[in-house]
């Protein structure tokens, strides 16, 4: 069962890491893919804030997460719909 879940996660990760962000003329960040956007949103939460929302994301994740923890968080978020 775990092998299947890992394969599914790998498929999702591979697809979304290559999936371009939808065009948004207001987007001011640097991400070009869904995966990069999630990573950017975690590490630089004020890089882009959707109109109508306040920037509530903590700004400490860049200093408190190592690369492995960040990758695990991004992988998990990629599985959510």
Foldseek 3Di string as FASTA:
>chain_A
DVVVVVVVLVVLCVVQVPAADPDDPQQQADDGTPLSVVLCCQQPVVNDDPPPDDSPHDNCCVVVDDPVRSVVVSSVVSVDD
